[in-house]
């Protein structure tokens, strides 16, 4: 793993360890497994993403560690409905409480009046969190390579597939990409253009890593996509899948911001 001590990410992971211990006392593995098996039917995240071009994962988040509160008027149900109307393929929903002011129930709220599948956007460190994701109605999980060992990545991705969840594996550089490619090809690959140590953004990170992949492998570019020129630059480099949140959340109408950035995605 990369060294993340003394970074925001390191602080988040330390808090997640405490949070996991607390949650395990409140609900056992057996309890959470029962809730996961009783959850509403899965929605196929990867299938939905690949059915549109551009395929956009539209994010629902209230705040971030670097920017504080991004959206005061925060209604996950309404935002999800707007995203679906605008043409999003999937949702990304923040559930971290301490750093992003998220909540587990935001996933069920977001899914309640739309048909889009939802990613649980959180910092998972144990298979418990994977099973919990299904229990709270998520359709996909995020695994951040810089936070996890190879053994954790393997174990957690396998657990996700057992519960029919899709998996988005997030990397930031060549070394992390190499580790991610050891996992099943069923995993979606995401490149975060934001350096989680400095929080600087470089869109060339996605372009650089895309060149290292087999042309058939889909890459999702994350962070920093703010203008139609950014979208065009990615598409010119054969990147057609996007995760965008902050530039939508800052606007009064996220759906209008979506259309201004992408137009209407085409269904394939």
Protein backbone atom coordinates (compact mmCIF):
# COMPACT_ATOMS: atom_id res chain seq x y z
CA UNK A 1 0.00 0.00 0.00
CA UNK A 2 1.02 3.58 -0.52
CA UNK A 3 1.89 5.52 2.60
CA UNK A 4 -1.18 7.54 3.57
CA UNK A 5 -0.24 8.48 7.11
CA UNK A 6 -0.59 12.19 7.92
CA UNK A 7 -2.97 12.70 4.99
CA UNK A 8 -6.72 13.32 4.91
CA UNK A 9 -7.14 9.82 3.53
CA UNK A 10 -5.10 8.40 6.41
CA UNK A 11 -7.29 10.20 8.93
CA UNK A 12 -10.41 8.87 7.22
CA UNK A 13 -9.16 5.28 7.34
CA UNK A 14 -8.26 5.55 11.03
CA UNK A 15 -11.78 6.79 11.71
CA UNK A 16 -13.20 3.94 9.62
CA UNK A 17 -11.45 1.40 11.83
CA UNK A 18 -13.16 2.91 14.88
CA UNK A 19 -16.48 3.06 13.06
CA UNK A 20 -16.22 -0.57 11.96
CA UNK A 21 -15.63 -1.70 15.55
CA UNK A 22 -18.69 0.23 16.69
CA UNK A 23 -20.93 -1.07 13.92
CA UNK A 24 -19.87 -4.66 14.56
CA UNK A 25 -20.99 -4.31 18.19
CA UNK A 26 -24.35 -3.00 17.04
CA UNK A 27 -24.94 -5.62 14.32
CA UNK A 28 -23.12 -8.92 13.95
CA UNK A 29 -22.02 -10.43 10.65
CA UNK A 30 -25.07 -12.70 10.83
CA UNK A 31 -27.39 -9.73 11.35
CA UNK A 32 -25.97 -7.80 8.43
CA UNK A 33 -26.02 -10.88 6.16
CA UNK A 34 -29.71 -11.37 6.89
CA UNK A 35 -30.41 -7.74 6.04
CA UNK A 36 -28.41 -8.04 2.81
CA UNK A 37 -30.37 -11.10 1.68
CA UNK A 38 -33.63 -9.28 2.43
CA UNK A 39 -32.66 -6.14 0.49
CA UNK A 40 -34.52 -4.99 -2.61
CA UNK A 41 -33.48 -6.60 -5.92
CA UNK A 42 -30.09 -5.62 -7.28
CA UNK A 43 -29.81 -3.15 -10.14
CA UNK A 44 -26.97 -3.91 -12.55
CA UNK A 45 -24.49 -1.06 -12.20
CA UNK A 46 -21.86 -2.02 -14.79
CA UNK A 47 -24.51 -2.95 -17.35
CA UNK A 48 -26.23 0.41 -16.92
CA UNK A 49 -22.95 2.33 -17.15
CA UNK A 50 -21.92 0.60 -20.39
CA UNK A 51 -25.35 1.07 -21.98
CA UNK A 52 -24.78 4.81 -22.49
CA UNK A 53 -22.09 6.91 -24.09
CA UNK A 54 -20.95 8.93 -22.37
CA UNK A 55 -21.73 6.74 -19.36
CA UNK A 56 -22.03 9.06 -16.40
CA UNK A 57 -22.02 8.13 -12.72
CA UNK A 58 -23.60 11.20 -11.13
CA UNK A 59 -22.67 11.79 -7.53
CA UNK A 60 -24.85 12.78 -4.61
CA UNK A 61 -22.86 14.38 -1.80
CA UNK A 62 -23.43 17.19 0.64
CA UNK A 63 -19.87 18.02 1.70
CA UNK A 64 -16.20 17.10 1.31
CA UNK A 65 -13.13 17.37 3.57
CA UNK A 66 -11.48 19.92 1.29
CA UNK A 67 -14.50 22.13 0.46
CA UNK A 68 -16.78 21.76 3.47
CA UNK A 69 -20.51 21.95 2.74
CA UNK A 70 -21.03 21.94 -1.02
CA UNK A 71 -24.81 21.79 -1.07
CA UNK A 72 -27.00 23.27 1.67
CA UNK A 73 -30.30 22.28 0.03
CA UNK A 74 -29.66 18.54 0.06
CA UNK A 75 -32.44 16.16 -1.00
CA UNK A 76 -31.07 12.81 -2.29
CA UNK A 77 -34.42 11.70 -3.72
CA UNK A 78 -34.93 14.88 -5.72
CA UNK A 79 -31.33 14.97 -6.93
CA UNK A 80 -31.50 11.34 -8.11
CA UNK A 81 -34.72 12.00 -10.01
CA UNK A 82 -33.10 14.97 -11.74
CA UNK A 83 -30.03 12.95 -12.66
CA UNK A 84 -32.13 10.19 -14.19
CA UNK A 85 -34.12 12.68 -16.26
CA UNK A 86 -30.88 14.32 -17.45
CA UNK A 87 -29.53 10.99 -18.67
CA UNK A 88 -27.20 9.66 -15.97
CA UNK A 89 -26.39 5.95 -16.15
CA UNK A 90 -25.73 5.42 -12.43
CA UNK A 91 -25.59 7.16 -9.08
CA UNK A 92 -22.73 7.51 -6.60
CA UNK A 93 -23.99 8.18 -3.09
CA UNK A 94 -21.76 9.27 -0.21
CA UNK A 95 -22.46 7.39 3.01
CA UNK A 96 -19.47 8.56 5.09
CA UNK A 97 -20.77 10.64 8.00
CA UNK A 98 -17.77 12.36 9.56
CA UNK A 99 -15.98 13.73 6.51
CA UNK A 100 -18.71 14.01 3.85
CA UNK A 101 -21.87 14.47 5.96
CA UNK A 102 -23.35 11.41 4.28
CA UNK A 103 -25.68 8.75 5.65
CA UNK A 104 -26.52 5.12 4.93
CA UNK A 105 -30.16 5.99 4.26
CA UNK A 106 -29.17 8.32 1.42
CA UNK A 107 -28.84 5.28 -0.84
CA UNK A 108 -32.40 4.06 -0.32
CA UNK A 109 -33.65 7.65 -0.60
CA UNK A 110 -31.80 8.12 -3.89
CA UNK A 111 -33.09 4.84 -5.32
CA UNK A 112 -36.66 5.31 -4.10
CA UNK A 113 -38.11 7.28 -7.05
CA UNK A 114 -35.74 6.38 -9.87
CA UNK A 115 -34.49 3.25 -11.64
CA UNK A 116 -30.75 4.00 -11.55
CA UNK A 117 -28.31 1.67 -9.74
CA UNK A 118 -26.26 3.18 -6.93
CA UNK A 119 -22.64 2.96 -5.83
CA UNK A 120 -21.96 3.13 -2.12
CA UNK A 121 -19.25 5.79 -2.02
CA UNK A 122 -17.38 5.14 1.20
CA UNK A 123 -14.03 3.94 2.49
CA UNK A 124 -14.57 0.23 3.05
CA UNK A 125 -11.89 -1.70 4.93
CA UNK A 126 -13.53 -5.05 5.68
CA UNK A 127 -15.97 -7.51 4.00
CA UNK A 128 -18.50 -6.43 6.63
CA UNK A 129 -18.81 -3.07 4.86
CA UNK A 130 -19.37 -4.85 1.55
CA UNK A 131 -22.24 -6.92 2.92
CA UNK A 132 -23.56 -3.83 4.67
CA UNK A 133 -23.59 -2.03 1.32
CA UNK A 134 -26.08 -4.55 -0.05
CA UNK A 135 -28.10 -4.34 3.18
CA UNK A 136 -28.54 -0.59 2.68
CA UNK A 137 -29.64 -1.12 -0.96
CA UNK A 138 -26.38 -0.39 -2.81
CA UNK A 139 -25.71 -2.06 -6.17
CA UNK A 140 -21.97 -1.43 -6.37
CA UNK A 141 -19.10 -0.79 -3.95
CA UNK A 142 -15.92 1.25 -4.13
CA UNK A 143 -12.54 -0.27 -3.27
CA UNK A 144 -9.70 2.24 -3.01
CA UNK A 145 -6.40 0.50 -3.78
CA UNK A 146 -4.26 2.90 -1.75
CA UNK A 147 -6.24 2.02 1.40
CA UNK A 148 -6.19 -1.76 1.07
CA UNK A 149 -3.76 -4.67 0.86
CA UNK A 150 -3.87 -7.11 -2.04
CA UNK A 151 -5.48 -9.66 0.26
CA UNK A 152 -8.19 -7.21 1.29
CA UNK A 153 -8.89 -6.26 -2.32
CA UNK A 154 -9.26 -9.91 -3.31
CA UNK A 155 -11.41 -10.85 -0.32
CA UNK A 156 -13.69 -7.84 -0.55
CA UNK A 157 -14.22 -8.07 -4.31
CA UNK A 158 -15.09 -11.76 -4.00
CA UNK A 159 -17.55 -10.96 -1.21
CA UNK A 160 -19.15 -8.32 -3.41
CA UNK A 161 -19.64 -10.76 -6.27
CA UNK A 162 -21.21 -13.27 -3.88
CA UNK A 163 -23.86 -10.64 -3.12
CA UNK A 164 -24.25 -9.72 -6.82
CA UNK A 165 -22.67 -6.32 -6.25
CA UNK A 166 -20.53 -4.72 -8.93
CA UNK A 167 -17.12 -3.41 -7.89
CA UNK A 168 -15.41 -0.14 -8.80
CA UNK A 169 -11.69 -0.31 -8.04
CA UNK A 170 -10.11 3.12 -7.72
CA UNK A 171 -6.46 3.85 -8.52
CA UNK A 172 -4.30 6.97 -8.63
CA UNK A 173 -1.09 5.88 -10.34
CA UNK A 174 0.72 3.14 -12.27
CA UNK A 175 1.61 1.03 -9.23
CA UNK A 176 -1.98 0.98 -8.02
CA UNK A 177 -3.21 0.17 -11.51
CA UNK A 178 -0.88 -2.83 -11.64
CA UNK A 179 -2.34 -4.09 -8.36
CA UNK A 180 -5.91 -3.50 -9.53
CA UNK A 181 -5.32 -5.51 -12.69
CA UNK A 182 -4.63 -8.59 -10.55
CA UNK A 183 -8.32 -8.65 -9.65
CA UNK A 184 -11.16 -10.11 -11.69
CA UNK A 185 -11.89 -8.40 -15.00
CA UNK A 186 -15.45 -8.07 -13.72
CA UNK A 187 -14.19 -5.16 -11.63
CA UNK A 188 -14.68 -1.70 -13.08
CA UNK A 189 -11.53 0.45 -13.12
CA UNK A 190 -11.70 4.03 -11.92
CA UNK A 191 -8.87 6.55 -12.07
CA UNK A 192 -9.10 9.36 -9.55
CA UNK A 193 -7.44 12.44 -11.00
CA UNK A 194 -7.22 13.93 -7.52
CA UNK A 195 -4.06 13.25 -5.57
CA UNK A 196 -5.46 12.19 -2.20
CA UNK A 197 -2.32 13.34 -0.42
CA UNK A 198 -2.29 16.89 -1.79
CA UNK A 199 -5.85 17.08 -3.24
CA UNK A 200 -4.40 18.57 -6.45
CA UNK A 201 -6.17 17.49 -9.65
CA UNK A 202 -4.48 16.45 -12.91
CA UNK A 203 -6.76 15.17 -15.69
CA UNK A 204 -3.75 13.74 -17.51
CA UNK A 205 -3.64 11.00 -14.86
CA UNK A 206 -6.57 9.23 -16.55
CA UNK A 207 -5.13 9.68 -20.03
CA UNK A 208 -1.74 8.36 -18.94
CA UNK A 209 -3.15 5.25 -17.28
CA UNK A 210 -5.62 4.53 -20.09
CA UNK A 211 -2.67 4.00 -22.43
CA UNK A 212 -1.48 1.13 -20.21
CA UNK A 213 -4.73 -0.81 -20.57
CA UNK A 214 -5.98 -3.23 -23.18
CA UNK A 215 -8.18 -1.11 -25.51
CA UNK A 216 -11.21 -3.20 -24.58
CA UNK A 217 -10.92 -2.35 -20.88
CA UNK A 218 -13.25 0.41 -19.74
CA UNK A 219 -11.77 3.20 -17.63
CA UNK A 220 -13.88 5.57 -15.55
CA UNK A 221 -12.34 8.99 -15.04
CA UNK A 222 -13.06 10.54 -11.64
CA UNK A 223 -12.60 14.07 -10.23
CA UNK A 224 -11.93 17.34 -11.98
CA UNK A 225 -14.34 16.98 -14.93
CA UNK A 226 -15.84 20.48 -14.93
CA UNK A 227 -16.22 21.72 -18.52
CA UNK A 228 -17.29 20.37 -21.93
CA UNK A 229 -13.64 20.73 -22.97
CA UNK A 230 -12.65 18.32 -20.18
CA UNK A 231 -15.20 15.82 -21.48
CA UNK A 232 -13.99 16.25 -25.05
CA UNK A 233 -10.36 15.74 -24.01
CA UNK A 234 -11.28 12.44 -22.37
CA UNK A 235 -13.36 11.25 -25.32
CA UNK A 236 -10.52 12.06 -27.72
CA UNK A 237 -8.41 9.68 -25.62
CA UNK A 238 -11.01 6.88 -25.76
CA UNK A 239 -12.38 7.52 -22.26
CA UNK A 240 -16.18 7.55 -22.30
CA UNK A 241 -17.14 6.81 -18.69
CA UNK A 242 -17.19 9.52 -16.03
CA UNK A 243 -17.85 10.01 -12.33
CA UNK A 244 -18.83 13.61 -11.61
CA UNK A 245 -20.15 15.12 -8.43
CA UNK A 246 -18.86 18.43 -7.18
CA UNK A 247 -19.52 20.44 -10.35
CA UNK A 248 -23.15 19.23 -10.26
CA UNK A 249 -23.68 19.65 -6.54
CA UNK A 250 -22.57 23.29 -6.58
CA UNK A 251 -25.36 24.25 -9.00
CA UNK A 252 -29.01 25.02 -8.08
CA UNK A 253 -30.22 22.41 -10.58
CA UNK A 254 -27.87 19.41 -10.90
CA UNK A 255 -29.78 18.18 -13.97
CA UNK A 256 -29.16 21.47 -15.81
CA UNK A 257 -25.48 21.27 -14.88
CA UNK A 258 -25.42 17.69 -16.17
CA UNK A 259 -26.89 18.65 -19.53
CA UNK A 260 -24.54 21.62 -19.86
CA UNK A 261 -21.56 19.32 -19.32
CA UNK A 262 -22.57 16.23 -21.29
CA UNK A 263 -25.69 16.91 -23.34
CA UNK A 264 -27.97 13.87 -23.42
CA UNK A 265 -26.06 10.54 -23.28
CA UNK A 266 -26.84 8.16 -26.11
CA UNK A 267 -28.26 4.73 -25.29
CA UNK A 268 -26.64 1.71 -26.94
